[in-house]
Amino acid sequence: MVAAILVQTSQQQRAFQVVDAVDALDSQLGAYRAVEQLAMCEKATGDEGLPQLRRSDLAQLLSVLNTNLSDYCEKARQAALFSALGSDNGPNAV
């Protein structure tokens, strides 16, 4: 059982928004872990490569992942800035 955290102040709310943003950012790293695992499995088996995977496909995948991760980093940065400023107007006020 997980105990609920009672957020009582706007300062706590801002701090937990940063925590939530960082958690969301961390969850996006799963895509990179999947690519890493794919590469490790290929290396371990000694295969020359996955025939269905072209270099351009991998480049496109990494581009999508980088853009996605960049968006989450920006959200985390905004949440942290919102928390640091102590604004009650929300993270989009900056």
C-alpha atoms as a PDB file:
ATOM      1  CA  MET A   1       0.000   0.000   0.000  1.00  0.00           C
ATOM      2  CA  VAL A   2       1.274   3.447  -0.921  1.00  0.00           C
ATOM      3  CA  ALA A   3       0.473   6.291   1.420  1.00  0.00           C
ATOM      4  CA  ALA A   4      -1.121   9.312  -0.193  1.00  0.00           C
ATOM      5  CA  ILE A   5       0.754  12.577  -0.064  1.00  0.00           C
ATOM      6  CA  LEU A   6      -1.439  15.446   1.034  1.00  0.00           C
ATOM      7  CA  VAL A   7      -0.379  18.632  -0.732  1.00  0.00           C
ATOM      8  CA  GLN A   8      -1.335  21.508   1.525  1.00  0.00           C
ATOM      9  CA  THR A   9       0.547  24.541   0.263  1.00  0.00           C
ATOM     10  CA  SER A  10       1.169  26.136  -3.106  1.00  0.00           C
ATOM     11  CA  GLN A  11       4.907  25.645  -2.483  1.00  0.00           C
ATOM     12  CA  GLN A  12       4.350  21.886  -2.108  1.00  0.00           C
ATOM     13  CA  GLN A  13       2.188  21.878  -5.229  1.00  0.00           C
ATOM     14  CA  ARG A  14       4.952  23.588  -7.238  1.00  0.00           C
ATOM     15  CA  ALA A  15       7.560  21.179  -5.882  1.00  0.00           C
ATOM     16  CA  PHE A  16       5.457  18.132  -6.786  1.00  0.00           C
ATOM     17  CA  GLN A  17       4.885  19.528 -10.272  1.00  0.00           C
ATOM     18  CA  VAL A  18       8.671  19.454 -10.706  1.00  0.00           C
ATOM     19  CA  VAL A  19       8.787  15.885  -9.396  1.00  0.00           C
ATOM     20  CA  ASP A  20       5.999  14.883 -11.798  1.00  0.00           C
ATOM     21  CA  ALA A  21       7.793  16.560 -14.717  1.00  0.00           C
ATOM     22  CA  VAL A  22      11.041  14.750 -13.925  1.00  0.00           C
ATOM     23  CA  ASP A  23       9.168  11.432 -13.560  1.00  0.00           C
ATOM     24  CA  ALA A  24       7.569  11.988 -16.974  1.00  0.00           C
ATOM     25  CA  LEU A  25      10.983  12.780 -18.430  1.00  0.00           C
ATOM     26  CA  ASP A  26      12.456   9.629 -16.895  1.00  0.00           C
ATOM     27  CA  SER A  27       9.672   7.486 -18.344  1.00  0.00           C
ATOM     28  CA  GLN A  28      10.612   8.707 -21.829  1.00  0.00           C
ATOM     29  CA  LEU A  29      14.057   7.185 -21.402  1.00  0.00           C
ATOM     30  CA  GLY A  30      12.420   3.782 -21.866  1.00  0.00           C
ATOM     31  CA  ALA A  31      12.516   4.347 -25.609  1.00  0.00           C
ATOM     32  CA  TYR A  32      16.286   4.801 -25.470  1.00  0.00           C
ATOM     33  CA  ARG A  33      16.620   1.709 -23.275  1.00  0.00           C
ATOM     34  CA  ALA A  34      14.682  -0.237 -25.912  1.00  0.00           C
ATOM     35  CA  VAL A  35      17.058   0.895 -28.674  1.00  0.00           C
ATOM     36  CA  GLU A  36      20.024   0.055 -26.451  1.00  0.00           C
ATOM     37  CA  GLN A  37      18.621  -3.412 -25.769  1.00  0.00           C
ATOM     38  CA  LEU A  38      18.058  -3.964 -29.473  1.00  0.00           C
ATOM     39  CA  ALA A  39      21.670  -3.032 -30.187  1.00  0.00           C
ATOM     40  CA  MET A  40      22.972  -5.203 -27.349  1.00  0.00           C
ATOM     41  CA  CYS A  41      20.989  -8.244 -28.499  1.00  0.00           C
ATOM     42  CA  GLU A  42      22.254  -7.785 -32.036  1.00  0.00           C
ATOM     43  CA  LYS A  43      25.835  -7.481 -30.787  1.00  0.00           C
ATOM     44  CA  ALA A  44      25.507 -10.575 -28.572  1.00  0.00           C
ATOM     45  CA  THR A  45      24.192 -12.763 -31.378  1.00  0.00           C
ATOM     46  CA  GLY A  46      26.957 -11.702 -33.752  1.00  0.00           C
ATOM     47  CA  ASP A  47      24.541 -10.969 -36.564  1.00  0.00           C
ATOM     48  CA  GLU A  48      25.602  -8.508 -39.233  1.00  0.00           C
ATOM     49  CA  GLY A  49      22.494  -6.454 -38.606  1.00  0.00           C
ATOM     50  CA  LEU A  50      18.776  -6.575 -38.672  1.00  0.00           C
ATOM     51  CA  PRO A  51      17.837  -6.877 -42.336  1.00  0.00           C
ATOM     52  CA  GLN A  52      14.533  -5.062 -41.889  1.00  0.00           C
ATOM     53  CA  LEU A  53      16.168  -2.080 -40.147  1.00  0.00           C
ATOM     54  CA  ARG A  54      17.794   0.495 -42.386  1.00  0.00           C
ATOM     55  CA  ARG A  55      20.198   3.113 -41.120  1.00  0.00           C
ATOM     56  CA  SER A  56      17.752   5.820 -42.228  1.00  0.00           C
ATOM     57  CA  ASP A  57      15.022   4.151 -40.129  1.00  0.00           C
ATOM     58  CA  LEU A  58      17.254   4.262 -37.069  1.00  0.00           C
ATOM     59  CA  ALA A  59      18.136   7.909 -37.766  1.00  0.00           C
ATOM     60  CA  GLN A  60      14.431   8.754 -37.996  1.00  0.00           C
ATOM     61  CA  LEU A  61      13.695   6.886 -34.761  1.00  0.00           C
ATOM     62  CA  LEU A  62      16.451   8.752 -32.924  1.00  0.00           C
ATOM     63  CA  SER A  63      15.184  12.053 -34.331  1.00  0.00           C
ATOM     64  CA  VAL A  64      11.685  11.351 -33.002  1.00  0.00           C
ATOM     65  CA  LEU A  65      13.055  10.245 -29.640  1.00  0.00           C
ATOM     66  CA  ASN A  66      15.286  13.315 -29.356  1.00  0.00           C
ATOM     67  CA  THR A  67      12.424  15.675 -30.193  1.00  0.00           C
ATOM     68  CA  ASN A  68      10.148  13.928 -27.719  1.00  0.00           C
ATOM     69  CA  LEU A  69      12.784  13.961 -24.978  1.00  0.00           C
ATOM     70  CA  SER A  70      13.546  17.614 -25.701  1.00  0.00           C
ATOM     71  CA  ASP A  71       9.856  18.471 -25.211  1.00  0.00           C
ATOM     72  CA  TYR A  72       9.807  16.681 -21.853  1.00  0.00           C
ATOM     73  CA  CYS A  73      13.019  18.454 -20.796  1.00  0.00           C
ATOM     74  CA  GLU A  74      11.403  21.798 -21.582  1.00  0.00           C
ATOM     75  CA  LYS A  75       8.341  20.875 -19.496  1.00  0.00           C
ATOM     76  CA  ALA A  76      10.589  19.867 -16.598  1.00  0.00           C
ATOM     77  CA  ARG A  77      12.541  23.119 -16.937  1.00  0.00           C
ATOM     78  CA  GLN A  78       9.325  25.152 -16.916  1.00  0.00           C
ATOM     79  CA  ALA A  79       8.054  23.317 -13.842  1.00  0.00           C
ATOM     80  CA  ALA A  80      11.350  23.905 -12.034  1.00  0.00           C
ATOM     81  CA  LEU A  81      11.367  27.592 -12.984  1.00  0.00           C
ATOM     82  CA  PHE A  82       7.753  27.914 -11.848  1.00  0.00           C
ATOM     83  CA  SER A  83       8.701  26.350  -8.534  1.00  0.00           C
ATOM     84  CA  ALA A  84      11.791  28.513  -8.102  1.00  0.00           C
ATOM     85  CA  LEU A  85       9.880  31.711  -8.821  1.00  0.00           C
ATOM     86  CA  GLY A  86       7.130  30.769  -6.381  1.00  0.00           C
ATOM     87  CA  SER A  87       4.452  31.945  -8.791  1.00  0.00           C
ATOM     88  CA  ASP A  88       0.863  30.937  -8.127  1.00  0.00           C
ATOM     89  CA  ASN A  89      -0.034  31.545 -11.783  1.00  0.00           C
ATOM     90  CA  GLY A  90       1.181  28.157 -12.981  1.00  0.00           C
ATOM     91  CA  PRO A  91       4.134  26.940 -15.035  1.00  0.00           C
ATOM     92  CA  ASN A  92       2.855  28.528 -18.258  1.00  0.00           C
ATOM     93  CA  ALA A  93       3.071  32.032 -16.798  1.00  0.00           C
ATOM     94  CA  VAL A  94       6.777  32.346 -17.700  1.00  0.00           C
END
